[in-house]
Amino acid sequence: MKLDIGDMCFACGRSNPIGLKLAFHFDGDEYVTTYEVKQEYQGWAGVAHGGLVATVLDETMTRLLWERDIESVTARLQVRYHHPIHVGDLLEVRGRIVRLHPPLIEMAAVATANGIVVAEATATSMKV
């Protein structure tokens, strides 16, 4: 039985009034979402909060595993920020599975805005 995400998930839930309401699709082996950065989620004036960006990267990788019927949780997340992401930017995030070695799964994701890589993440997830 597939784990129930619930409709109040901060990242993807449709009923969460303060959530991001991310939608996903496959592009080959990659799992993809887009998100326009809202001013409510800024850190410095006009710049997206890094935690928001980390959330979208993490959710993309975690949801990919969920879609593949691999129930897991993030055990480690490492984010490398390359450029500031501004309010109003449209982020595109692409996640992929790098390696399966149960009970661990290595993941990677890349965020771009305006055609530029703005952040990258790697994660290790653990099957539950």
N, C-alpha and C. Protein backbone atom coordinates (compact mmCIF):
# COMPACT_ATOMS: atom_id res chain seq x y z
N MET A 1 0.84 -1.17 0.00
CA MET A 1 0.00 0.00 0.00
C MET A 1 0.89 1.24 0.00
N LYS A 2 0.57 2.20 -0.87
CA LYS A 2 1.35 3.43 -0.98
C LYS A 2 1.05 4.35 0.20
N LEU A 3 2.10 4.93 0.75
CA LEU A 3 1.99 5.88 1.85
C LEU A 3 1.12 7.06 1.42
N ASP A 4 0.22 7.49 2.28
CA ASP A 4 -0.67 8.61 2.00
C ASP A 4 0.05 9.91 2.30
N ILE A 5 0.24 10.74 1.29
CA ILE A 5 0.90 12.03 1.48
C ILE A 5 -0.01 12.98 2.25
N GLY A 6 -1.28 12.93 1.97
CA GLY A 6 -2.21 13.85 2.61
C GLY A 6 -2.30 15.15 1.84
N ASP A 7 -3.40 15.84 1.99
CA ASP A 7 -3.63 17.05 1.23
C ASP A 7 -3.15 18.31 1.95
N MET A 8 -2.53 18.14 3.13
CA MET A 8 -2.03 19.30 3.86
C MET A 8 -0.50 19.40 3.81
N CYS A 9 0.14 18.57 2.98
CA CYS A 9 1.59 18.65 2.82
C CYS A 9 1.97 20.10 2.48
N PHE A 10 2.96 20.65 3.17
CA PHE A 10 3.38 22.02 2.92
C PHE A 10 3.83 22.22 1.47
N ALA A 11 4.54 21.25 0.93
CA ALA A 11 5.09 21.41 -0.41
C ALA A 11 4.08 21.11 -1.51
N CYS A 12 3.30 20.01 -1.38
CA CYS A 12 2.46 19.59 -2.50
C CYS A 12 0.97 19.53 -2.20
N GLY A 13 0.58 19.71 -0.96
CA GLY A 13 -0.83 19.61 -0.61
C GLY A 13 -1.67 20.71 -1.22
N ARG A 14 -2.81 20.35 -1.76
CA ARG A 14 -3.71 21.32 -2.40
C ARG A 14 -4.58 22.06 -1.39
N SER A 15 -4.72 21.54 -0.17
CA SER A 15 -5.59 22.16 0.83
C SER A 15 -4.84 23.03 1.82
N ASN A 16 -3.53 23.04 1.78
CA ASN A 16 -2.75 23.83 2.73
C ASN A 16 -2.76 25.30 2.29
N PRO A 17 -3.39 26.18 3.08
CA PRO A 17 -3.54 27.57 2.65
C PRO A 17 -2.21 28.33 2.53
N ILE A 18 -1.16 27.87 3.21
CA ILE A 18 0.13 28.55 3.10
C ILE A 18 1.16 27.70 2.35
N GLY A 19 0.70 26.60 1.79
CA GLY A 19 1.60 25.67 1.10
C GLY A 19 2.01 26.13 -0.28
N LEU A 20 2.98 25.43 -0.84
CA LEU A 20 3.53 25.75 -2.16
C LEU A 20 2.71 25.18 -3.30
N LYS A 21 1.93 24.13 -3.03
CA LYS A 21 1.05 23.50 -4.03
C LYS A 21 1.82 23.06 -5.28
N LEU A 22 2.97 22.46 -5.07
CA LEU A 22 3.80 22.00 -6.18
C LEU A 22 3.10 20.88 -6.95
N ALA A 23 3.23 20.92 -8.26
CA ALA A 23 2.74 19.85 -9.13
C ALA A 23 3.96 19.28 -9.85
N PHE A 24 3.92 17.99 -10.15
CA PHE A 24 5.09 17.29 -10.70
C PHE A 24 4.73 16.53 -11.96
N HIS A 25 5.75 16.26 -12.76
CA HIS A 25 5.60 15.37 -13.92
C HIS A 25 6.94 14.74 -14.24
N PHE A 26 6.89 13.64 -14.96
CA PHE A 26 8.12 12.97 -15.39
C PHE A 26 8.56 13.53 -16.73
N ASP A 27 9.86 13.67 -16.88
CA ASP A 27 10.50 13.97 -18.16
C ASP A 27 11.61 12.94 -18.29
N GLY A 28 11.30 11.81 -18.91
CA GLY A 28 12.22 10.69 -18.92
C GLY A 28 12.37 10.14 -17.52
N ASP A 29 13.59 9.99 -17.04
CA ASP A 29 13.85 9.51 -15.68
C ASP A 29 13.83 10.62 -14.65
N GLU A 30 13.72 11.86 -15.10
CA GLU A 30 13.73 12.99 -14.17
C GLU A 30 12.31 13.34 -13.74
N TYR A 31 12.20 13.79 -12.50
CA TYR A 31 10.93 14.24 -11.95
C TYR A 31 11.02 15.75 -11.84
N VAL A 32 10.03 16.47 -12.35
CA VAL A 32 10.16 17.91 -12.57
C VAL A 32 9.01 18.67 -11.92
N THR A 33 9.34 19.83 -11.34
CA THR A 33 8.33 20.76 -10.87
C THR A 33 8.79 22.17 -11.19
N THR A 34 7.85 23.09 -11.21
CA THR A 34 8.18 24.51 -11.33
C THR A 34 7.49 25.25 -10.19
N TYR A 35 8.10 26.36 -9.81
CA TYR A 35 7.54 27.16 -8.74
C TYR A 35 7.95 28.62 -8.92
N GLU A 36 6.96 29.51 -8.94
CA GLU A 36 7.26 30.94 -8.97
C GLU A 36 7.41 31.43 -7.53
N VAL A 37 8.57 31.99 -7.23
CA VAL A 37 8.88 32.42 -5.86
C VAL A 37 8.01 33.62 -5.48
N LYS A 38 7.24 33.44 -4.43
CA LYS A 38 6.34 34.50 -3.93
C LYS A 38 7.05 35.33 -2.86
N GLN A 39 6.63 36.58 -2.71
CA GLN A 39 7.29 37.47 -1.75
C GLN A 39 7.12 37.00 -0.31
N GLU A 40 6.09 36.20 -0.04
CA GLU A 40 5.88 35.69 1.31
C GLU A 40 7.01 34.75 1.75
N TYR A 41 7.77 34.26 0.78
CA TYR A 41 8.82 33.28 1.07
C TYR A 41 10.22 33.84 0.82
N GLN A 42 10.37 35.13 1.04
CA GLN A 42 11.68 35.73 0.86
C GLN A 42 12.46 35.74 2.18
N GLY A 43 13.77 35.80 2.03
CA GLY A 43 14.67 35.98 3.17
C GLY A 43 15.06 37.45 3.17
N TRP A 44 16.21 37.75 2.56
CA TRP A 44 16.58 39.14 2.34
C TRP A 44 15.58 39.75 1.38
N ALA A 45 15.43 41.07 1.42
CA ALA A 45 14.46 41.76 0.56
C ALA A 45 14.66 41.37 -0.90
N GLY A 46 13.60 40.80 -1.48
CA GLY A 46 13.61 40.46 -2.89
C GLY A 46 14.29 39.15 -3.24
N VAL A 47 14.81 38.42 -2.24
CA VAL A 47 15.54 37.18 -2.49
C VAL A 47 14.83 36.02 -1.77
N ALA A 48 14.68 34.91 -2.48
CA ALA A 48 14.03 33.73 -1.90
C ALA A 48 14.79 33.24 -0.68
N HIS A 49 14.08 32.81 0.33
CA HIS A 49 14.69 32.21 1.51
C HIS A 49 15.32 30.89 1.10
N GLY A 50 16.55 30.65 1.53
CA GLY A 50 17.25 29.42 1.17
C GLY A 50 16.52 28.17 1.62
N GLY A 51 15.83 28.25 2.74
CA GLY A 51 15.07 27.10 3.23
C GLY A 51 13.93 26.72 2.30
N LEU A 52 13.34 27.72 1.66
CA LEU A 52 12.29 27.45 0.69
C LEU A 52 12.86 26.68 -0.50
N VAL A 53 14.01 27.13 -0.98
CA VAL A 53 14.64 26.47 -2.11
C VAL A 53 15.01 25.03 -1.73
N ALA A 54 15.56 24.85 -0.54
CA ALA A 54 15.90 23.51 -0.06
C ALA A 54 14.66 22.62 0.02
N THR A 55 13.54 23.19 0.44
CA THR A 55 12.29 22.44 0.52
C THR A 55 11.86 21.94 -0.85
N VAL A 56 11.93 22.80 -1.86
CA VAL A 56 11.49 22.39 -3.20
C VAL A 56 12.43 21.32 -3.75
N LEU A 57 13.74 21.47 -3.54
CA LEU A 57 14.70 20.45 -3.97
C LEU A 57 14.41 19.12 -3.28
N ASP A 58 14.25 19.16 -1.97
CA ASP A 58 13.99 17.94 -1.19
C ASP A 58 12.68 17.28 -1.60
N GLU A 59 11.64 18.07 -1.75
CA GLU A 59 10.33 17.51 -2.11
C GLU A 59 10.37 16.84 -3.48
N THR A 60 11.09 17.43 -4.41
CA THR A 60 11.19 16.84 -5.74
C THR A 60 11.83 15.46 -5.68
N MET A 61 12.91 15.34 -4.91
CA MET A 61 13.57 14.04 -4.80
C MET A 61 12.72 13.03 -4.03
N THR A 62 12.11 13.47 -2.94
CA THR A 62 11.30 12.58 -2.11
C THR A 62 10.05 12.11 -2.85
N ARG A 63 9.40 13.03 -3.55
CA ARG A 63 8.20 12.66 -4.31
C ARG A 63 8.52 11.69 -5.43
N LEU A 64 9.69 11.81 -6.03
CA LEU A 64 10.10 10.87 -7.07
C LEU A 64 10.11 9.45 -6.51
N LEU A 65 10.68 9.28 -5.33
CA LEU A 65 10.70 7.96 -4.71
C LEU A 65 9.28 7.48 -4.41
N TRP A 66 8.44 8.38 -3.92
CA TRP A 66 7.05 8.04 -3.64
C TRP A 66 6.35 7.55 -4.91
N GLU A 67 6.58 8.24 -6.03
CA GLU A 67 5.98 7.84 -7.31
C GLU A 67 6.47 6.46 -7.75
N ARG A 68 7.68 6.10 -7.34
CA ARG A 68 8.26 4.80 -7.69
C ARG A 68 7.93 3.74 -6.64
N ASP A 69 6.98 4.06 -5.74
CA ASP A 69 6.55 3.14 -4.68
C ASP A 69 7.68 2.76 -3.73
N ILE A 70 8.58 3.70 -3.49
CA ILE A 70 9.65 3.51 -2.51
C ILE A 70 9.35 4.44 -1.34
N GLU A 71 8.82 3.87 -0.26
CA GLU A 71 8.50 4.67 0.91
C GLU A 71 9.80 4.97 1.65
N SER A 72 10.10 6.25 1.80
CA SER A 72 11.37 6.64 2.39
C SER A 72 11.26 8.00 3.05
N VAL A 73 12.29 8.33 3.80
CA VAL A 73 12.43 9.65 4.42
C VAL A 73 13.83 10.15 4.09
N THR A 74 13.99 11.46 4.09
CA THR A 74 15.29 12.04 3.84
C THR A 74 16.17 11.85 5.06
N ALA A 75 17.31 11.21 4.87
CA ALA A 75 18.25 11.00 5.97
C ALA A 75 19.32 12.10 5.98
N ARG A 76 19.68 12.58 4.79
CA ARG A 76 20.68 13.65 4.70
C ARG A 76 20.37 14.47 3.45
N LEU A 77 20.47 15.78 3.58
CA LEU A 77 20.25 16.70 2.46
C LEU A 77 21.38 17.70 2.45
N GLN A 78 22.02 17.84 1.29
CA GLN A 78 23.08 18.83 1.14
C GLN A 78 22.73 19.72 -0.05
N VAL A 79 22.71 21.04 0.19
CA VAL A 79 22.34 22.00 -0.84
C VAL A 79 23.52 22.92 -1.12
N ARG A 80 23.76 23.16 -2.39
CA ARG A 80 24.79 24.11 -2.82
C ARG A 80 24.09 25.20 -3.60
N TYR A 81 24.15 26.43 -3.08
CA TYR A 81 23.53 27.57 -3.74
C TYR A 81 24.58 28.24 -4.63
N HIS A 82 24.21 28.49 -5.89
CA HIS A 82 25.13 29.10 -6.83
C HIS A 82 24.85 30.58 -7.07
N HIS A 83 23.58 30.94 -7.09
CA HIS A 83 23.17 32.33 -7.35
C HIS A 83 21.93 32.64 -6.53
N PRO A 84 21.73 33.91 -6.18
CA PRO A 84 20.48 34.28 -5.50
C PRO A 84 19.28 33.99 -6.40
N ILE A 85 18.20 33.61 -5.76
CA ILE A 85 16.95 33.37 -6.46
C ILE A 85 16.01 34.49 -6.03
N HIS A 86 15.49 35.21 -6.97
CA HIS A 86 14.72 36.40 -6.65
C HIS A 86 13.23 36.14 -6.62
N VAL A 87 12.54 36.94 -5.82
CA VAL A 87 11.07 36.91 -5.81
C VAL A 87 10.61 37.13 -7.25
N GLY A 88 9.69 36.32 -7.68
CA GLY A 88 9.18 36.38 -9.04
C GLY A 88 9.87 35.44 -10.01
N ASP A 89 11.05 34.93 -9.63
CA ASP A 89 11.74 33.95 -10.49
C ASP A 89 10.91 32.68 -10.60
N LEU A 90 10.93 32.07 -11.76
CA LEU A 90 10.31 30.77 -11.95
C LEU A 90 11.40 29.72 -11.84
N LEU A 91 11.34 28.95 -10.76
CA LEU A 91 12.28 27.86 -10.56
C LEU A 91 11.79 26.63 -11.30
N GLU A 92 12.71 25.95 -11.95
CA GLU A 92 12.43 24.62 -12.46
C GLU A 92 13.38 23.69 -11.71
N VAL A 93 12.82 22.65 -11.08
CA VAL A 93 13.63 21.70 -10.33
C VAL A 93 13.46 20.33 -10.95
N ARG A 94 14.60 19.67 -11.17
CA ARG A 94 14.63 18.33 -11.76
C ARG A 94 15.37 17.41 -10.80
N GLY A 95 14.70 16.32 -10.42
CA GLY A 95 15.28 15.35 -9.51
C GLY A 95 15.46 14.00 -10.18
N ARG A 96 16.45 13.24 -9.70
CA ARG A 96 16.68 11.92 -10.25
C ARG A 96 17.29 11.01 -9.20
N ILE A 97 17.12 9.72 -9.42
CA ILE A 97 17.76 8.71 -8.57
C ILE A 97 19.16 8.49 -9.11
N VAL A 98 20.15 8.55 -8.22
CA VAL A 98 21.54 8.33 -8.61
C VAL A 98 21.94 6.88 -8.39
N ARG A 99 21.57 6.35 -7.22
CA ARG A 99 21.98 4.97 -6.90
C ARG A 99 21.06 4.38 -5.84
N LEU A 100 20.67 3.14 -6.06
CA LEU A 100 19.89 2.39 -5.08
C LEU A 100 20.83 1.39 -4.41
N HIS A 101 20.93 1.48 -3.09
CA HIS A 101 21.65 0.46 -2.32
C HIS A 101 20.93 0.32 -1.00
N PRO A 102 19.83 -0.46 -1.04
CA PRO A 102 18.93 -0.59 0.11
C PRO A 102 19.67 -0.86 1.41
N PRO A 103 19.22 -0.21 2.48
CA PRO A 103 18.00 0.59 2.57
C PRO A 103 18.19 2.05 2.16
N LEU A 104 19.36 2.41 1.60
CA LEU A 104 19.63 3.80 1.24
C LEU A 104 19.47 4.03 -0.25
N ILE A 105 19.06 5.26 -0.58
CA ILE A 105 18.91 5.68 -1.96
C ILE A 105 19.59 7.04 -2.10
N GLU A 106 20.49 7.16 -3.06
CA GLU A 106 21.15 8.44 -3.32
C GLU A 106 20.38 9.17 -4.41
N MET A 107 20.16 10.46 -4.18
CA MET A 107 19.36 11.29 -5.08
C MET A 107 20.14 12.55 -5.45
N ALA A 108 19.70 13.21 -6.52
CA ALA A 108 20.27 14.50 -6.91
C ALA A 108 19.16 15.34 -7.53
N ALA A 109 19.30 16.66 -7.38
CA ALA A 109 18.33 17.59 -7.97
C ALA A 109 19.05 18.88 -8.35
N VAL A 110 18.54 19.53 -9.39
CA VAL A 110 19.10 20.78 -9.87
C VAL A 110 17.95 21.77 -10.03
N ALA A 111 18.18 23.01 -9.55
CA ALA A 111 17.21 24.08 -9.70
C ALA A 111 17.77 25.12 -10.67
N THR A 112 16.96 25.51 -11.65
CA THR A 112 17.37 26.56 -12.58
C THR A 112 16.34 27.68 -12.54
N ALA A 113 16.80 28.88 -12.85
CA ALA A 113 15.93 30.05 -12.99
C ALA A 113 16.54 30.89 -14.11
N ASN A 114 15.72 31.30 -15.04
CA ASN A 114 16.19 32.11 -16.17
C ASN A 114 17.31 31.41 -16.92
N GLY A 115 17.25 30.08 -17.01
CA GLY A 115 18.23 29.32 -17.75
C GLY A 115 19.56 29.11 -17.05
N ILE A 116 19.66 29.51 -15.77
CA ILE A 116 20.92 29.42 -15.02
C ILE A 116 20.72 28.46 -13.85
N VAL A 117 21.72 27.60 -13.61
CA VAL A 117 21.67 26.74 -12.43
C VAL A 117 21.87 27.63 -11.21
N VAL A 118 20.85 27.64 -10.33
CA VAL A 118 20.91 28.49 -9.14
C VAL A 118 21.18 27.69 -7.87
N ALA A 119 20.86 26.40 -7.89
CA ALA A 119 21.10 25.56 -6.71
C ALA A 119 21.11 24.10 -7.14
N GLU A 120 21.86 23.30 -6.40
CA GLU A 120 21.91 21.85 -6.61
C GLU A 120 21.81 21.19 -5.25
N ALA A 121 21.29 19.98 -5.26
CA ALA A 121 21.19 19.23 -4.00
C ALA A 121 21.51 17.77 -4.23
N THR A 122 22.05 17.17 -3.19
CA THR A 122 22.17 15.72 -3.14
C THR A 122 21.49 15.29 -1.85
N ALA A 123 20.96 14.09 -1.88
CA ALA A 123 20.27 13.59 -0.70
C ALA A 123 20.48 12.09 -0.60
N THR A 124 20.45 11.63 0.63
CA THR A 124 20.38 10.21 0.90
C THR A 124 19.06 9.98 1.60
N SER A 125 18.26 9.11 1.02
CA SER A 125 16.99 8.75 1.61
C SER A 125 17.09 7.34 2.17
N MET A 126 16.26 7.05 3.16
CA MET A 126 16.26 5.74 3.79
C MET A 126 14.88 5.13 3.67
N LYS A 127 14.81 3.90 3.19
CA LYS A 127 13.53 3.21 3.11
C LYS A 127 12.97 3.01 4.51
N VAL A 128 11.65 3.16 4.62
CA VAL A 128 10.97 2.96 5.90
C VAL A 128 9.99 1.81 5.78
